[in-house]
Amino acid sequence: MKENPLIKIIGTAEEKGGLLSFIMDGYHPYDIGNHANSYGIAVRTGVHCAIPVLDSLELVGTVRVSVGLYNTREEIDTLLQALRTVPKGEWSLKHANVRFL
């Protein structure tokens, strides 16, 4: 994910667990999540019950990926492929700064 210049990983802990939150510059988290879903990859999008933190970071929301022993290399590769091809959809184009709660 670090190779994609649009992706910004949220959180700076050196030793991360199986959760990874990120944003993509110019893309609403909902469009990213919908696109990942079209590849058969489930991610969480939105505020994740952390509105004060997201407000302090001036973020509408994030995309959260949970990776564990149950994931295959192919699933991770599919996620990365999906992230390379995210189109700007309805949310990115018309509601870039809107949270739907």
C-alpha atoms as a PDB file:
ATOM      1  CA  MET A   1       0.000   0.000   0.000  1.00  0.00           C
ATOM      2  CA  LYS A   2       2.925   2.324   0.639  1.00  0.00           C
ATOM      3  CA  GLU A   3       3.785   2.150  -3.067  1.00  0.00           C
ATOM      4  CA  ASN A   4       0.503   3.844  -4.019  1.00  0.00           C
ATOM      5  CA  PRO A   5       1.093   7.614  -3.755  1.00  0.00           C
ATOM      6  CA  LEU A   6      -2.633   8.289  -3.223  1.00  0.00           C
ATOM      7  CA  ILE A   7      -2.837   6.133  -0.080  1.00  0.00           C
ATOM      8  CA  LYS A   8      -2.149   7.650   3.312  1.00  0.00           C
ATOM      9  CA  ILE A   9      -2.060   5.220   6.234  1.00  0.00           C
ATOM     10  CA  ILE A  10      -3.688   6.675   9.346  1.00  0.00           C
ATOM     11  CA  GLY A  11      -1.821   5.979  12.570  1.00  0.00           C
ATOM     12  CA  THR A  12       1.880   5.920  13.259  1.00  0.00           C
ATOM     13  CA  ALA A  13       2.367   2.966  15.607  1.00  0.00           C
ATOM     14  CA  GLU A  14       5.502   1.089  14.588  1.00  0.00           C
ATOM     15  CA  GLU A  15       4.045  -2.300  15.450  1.00  0.00           C
ATOM     16  CA  LYS A  16       0.553  -2.438  13.992  1.00  0.00           C
ATOM     17  CA  GLY A  17      -1.822  -5.295  14.557  1.00  0.00           C
ATOM     18  CA  GLY A  18      -4.213  -6.695  11.986  1.00  0.00           C
ATOM     19  CA  LEU A  19      -6.149  -3.436  11.500  1.00  0.00           C
ATOM     20  CA  LEU A  20      -5.052  -0.800   9.043  1.00  0.00           C
ATOM     21  CA  SER A  21      -6.912   2.463   8.475  1.00  0.00           C
ATOM     22  CA  PHE A  22      -6.218   4.596   5.425  1.00  0.00           C
ATOM     23  CA  ILE A  23      -7.521   7.266   3.098  1.00  0.00           C
ATOM     24  CA  MET A  24      -6.872   7.952  -0.566  1.00  0.00           C
ATOM     25  CA  ASP A  25      -6.340  11.574  -1.594  1.00  0.00           C
ATOM     26  CA  GLY A  26      -9.297  12.798  -3.628  1.00  0.00           C
ATOM     27  CA  TYR A  27     -11.482   9.758  -2.924  1.00  0.00           C
ATOM     28  CA  HIS A  28     -14.323   9.394  -0.458  1.00  0.00           C
ATOM     29  CA  PRO A  29     -14.040   6.295   1.750  1.00  0.00           C
ATOM     30  CA  TYR A  30     -17.455   5.081   0.555  1.00  0.00           C
ATOM     31  CA  ASP A  31     -16.304   4.974  -3.083  1.00  0.00           C
ATOM     32  CA  ILE A  32     -13.194   3.039  -2.062  1.00  0.00           C
ATOM     33  CA  GLY A  33     -15.274   0.557  -0.066  1.00  0.00           C
ATOM     34  CA  ASN A  34     -17.810   0.076  -2.858  1.00  0.00           C
ATOM     35  CA  HIS A  35     -15.034  -0.570  -5.352  1.00  0.00           C
ATOM     36  CA  ALA A  36     -13.282  -3.082  -3.066  1.00  0.00           C
ATOM     37  CA  ASN A  37     -16.638  -4.818  -2.655  1.00  0.00           C
ATOM     38  CA  SER A  38     -16.953  -5.142  -6.434  1.00  0.00           C
ATOM     39  CA  TYR A  39     -13.734  -7.198  -6.250  1.00  0.00           C
ATOM     40  CA  GLY A  40     -15.192  -9.384  -3.502  1.00  0.00           C
ATOM     41  CA  ILE A  41     -13.120  -7.725  -0.770  1.00  0.00           C
ATOM     42  CA  ALA A  42     -14.907  -6.526   2.366  1.00  0.00           C
ATOM     43  CA  VAL A  43     -13.573  -3.441   4.115  1.00  0.00           C
ATOM     44  CA  ARG A  44     -15.156  -1.101   6.639  1.00  0.00           C
ATOM     45  CA  THR A  45     -15.685   2.559   5.779  1.00  0.00           C
ATOM     46  CA  GLY A  46     -16.791   5.542   7.776  1.00  0.00           C
ATOM     47  CA  VAL A  47     -16.062   6.949  11.215  1.00  0.00           C
ATOM     48  CA  HIS A  48     -15.618   3.666  13.134  1.00  0.00           C
ATOM     49  CA  CYS A  49     -17.077   5.188  16.328  1.00  0.00           C
ATOM     50  CA  ALA A  50     -14.145   7.607  16.403  1.00  0.00           C
ATOM     51  CA  ILE A  51     -15.666  10.930  15.351  1.00  0.00           C
ATOM     52  CA  PRO A  52     -13.584  13.071  17.774  1.00  0.00           C
ATOM     53  CA  VAL A  53     -10.346  11.541  16.473  1.00  0.00           C
ATOM     54  CA  LEU A  54     -11.382  11.932  12.830  1.00  0.00           C
ATOM     55  CA  ASP A  55     -12.463  15.518  13.493  1.00  0.00           C
ATOM     56  CA  SER A  56      -9.052  16.267  15.021  1.00  0.00           C
ATOM     57  CA  LEU A  57      -7.425  14.819  11.888  1.00  0.00           C
ATOM     58  CA  GLU A  58      -9.899  16.737   9.673  1.00  0.00           C
ATOM     59  CA  LEU A  59     -11.065  13.532   7.992  1.00  0.00           C
ATOM     60  CA  VAL A  60     -14.550  12.628   6.770  1.00  0.00           C
ATOM     61  CA  GLY A  61     -13.804   8.983   7.491  1.00  0.00           C
ATOM     62  CA  THR A  62     -11.367   6.217   6.692  1.00  0.00           C
ATOM     63  CA  VAL A  63     -11.253   2.805   5.108  1.00  0.00           C
ATOM     64  CA  ARG A  64     -10.323   0.038   7.534  1.00  0.00           C
ATOM     65  CA  VAL A  65      -8.860  -3.278   6.482  1.00  0.00           C
ATOM     66  CA  SER A  66      -8.679  -6.251   8.844  1.00  0.00           C
ATOM     67  CA  VAL A  67      -5.972  -8.715   7.912  1.00  0.00           C
ATOM     68  CA  GLY A  68      -5.439 -11.972   9.757  1.00  0.00           C
ATOM     69  CA  LEU A  69      -4.256 -15.532   9.459  1.00  0.00           C
ATOM     70  CA  TYR A  70      -7.495 -16.354   7.667  1.00  0.00           C
ATOM     71  CA  ASN A  71      -6.611 -14.129   4.686  1.00  0.00           C
ATOM     72  CA  THR A  72      -4.836 -15.519   1.662  1.00  0.00           C
ATOM     73  CA  ARG A  73      -2.088 -13.857  -0.327  1.00  0.00           C
ATOM     74  CA  GLU A  74      -4.500 -13.759  -3.282  1.00  0.00           C
ATOM     75  CA  GLU A  75      -7.046 -11.760  -1.246  1.00  0.00           C
ATOM     76  CA  ILE A  76      -4.415  -9.208  -0.315  1.00  0.00           C
ATOM     77  CA  ASP A  77      -3.261  -8.982  -3.939  1.00  0.00           C
ATOM     78  CA  THR A  78      -6.892  -8.506  -4.996  1.00  0.00           C
ATOM     79  CA  LEU A  79      -7.308  -5.667  -2.488  1.00  0.00           C
ATOM     80  CA  LEU A  80      -4.181  -3.974  -3.820  1.00  0.00           C
ATOM     81  CA  GLN A  81      -5.454  -4.342  -7.397  1.00  0.00           C
ATOM     82  CA  ALA A  82      -8.790  -2.834  -6.387  1.00  0.00           C
ATOM     83  CA  LEU A  83      -7.025   0.124  -4.766  1.00  0.00           C
ATOM     84  CA  ARG A  84      -5.055   0.768  -7.959  1.00  0.00           C
ATOM     85  CA  THR A  85      -8.280   1.059  -9.969  1.00  0.00           C
ATOM     86  CA  VAL A  86     -10.712   2.990  -7.751  1.00  0.00           C
ATOM     87  CA  PRO A  87     -12.873   5.296  -9.864  1.00  0.00           C
ATOM     88  CA  LYS A  88     -14.156   8.584  -8.520  1.00  0.00           C
ATOM     89  CA  GLY A  89     -17.797   7.818  -7.872  1.00  0.00           C
ATOM     90  CA  GLU A  90     -20.823   9.691  -6.607  1.00  0.00           C
ATOM     91  CA  TRP A  91     -19.371  10.332  -3.146  1.00  0.00           C
ATOM     92  CA  SER A  92     -15.978  11.571  -4.345  1.00  0.00           C
ATOM     93  CA  LEU A  93     -17.455  13.780  -7.057  1.00  0.00           C
ATOM     94  CA  LYS A  94     -20.539  15.205  -5.327  1.00  0.00           C
ATOM     95  CA  HIS A  95     -20.177  14.632  -1.581  1.00  0.00           C
ATOM     96  CA  ALA A  96     -16.432  14.704  -0.905  1.00  0.00           C
ATOM     97  CA  ASN A  97     -16.782  16.300   2.540  1.00  0.00           C
ATOM     98  CA  VAL A  98     -20.020  14.643   3.662  1.00  0.00           C
ATOM     99  CA  ARG A  99     -20.459  12.012   6.342  1.00  0.00           C
ATOM    100  CA  PHE A 100     -23.469   9.798   6.139  1.00  0.00           C
ATOM    101  CA  LEU A 101     -24.158   8.512   9.640  1.00  0.00           C
END
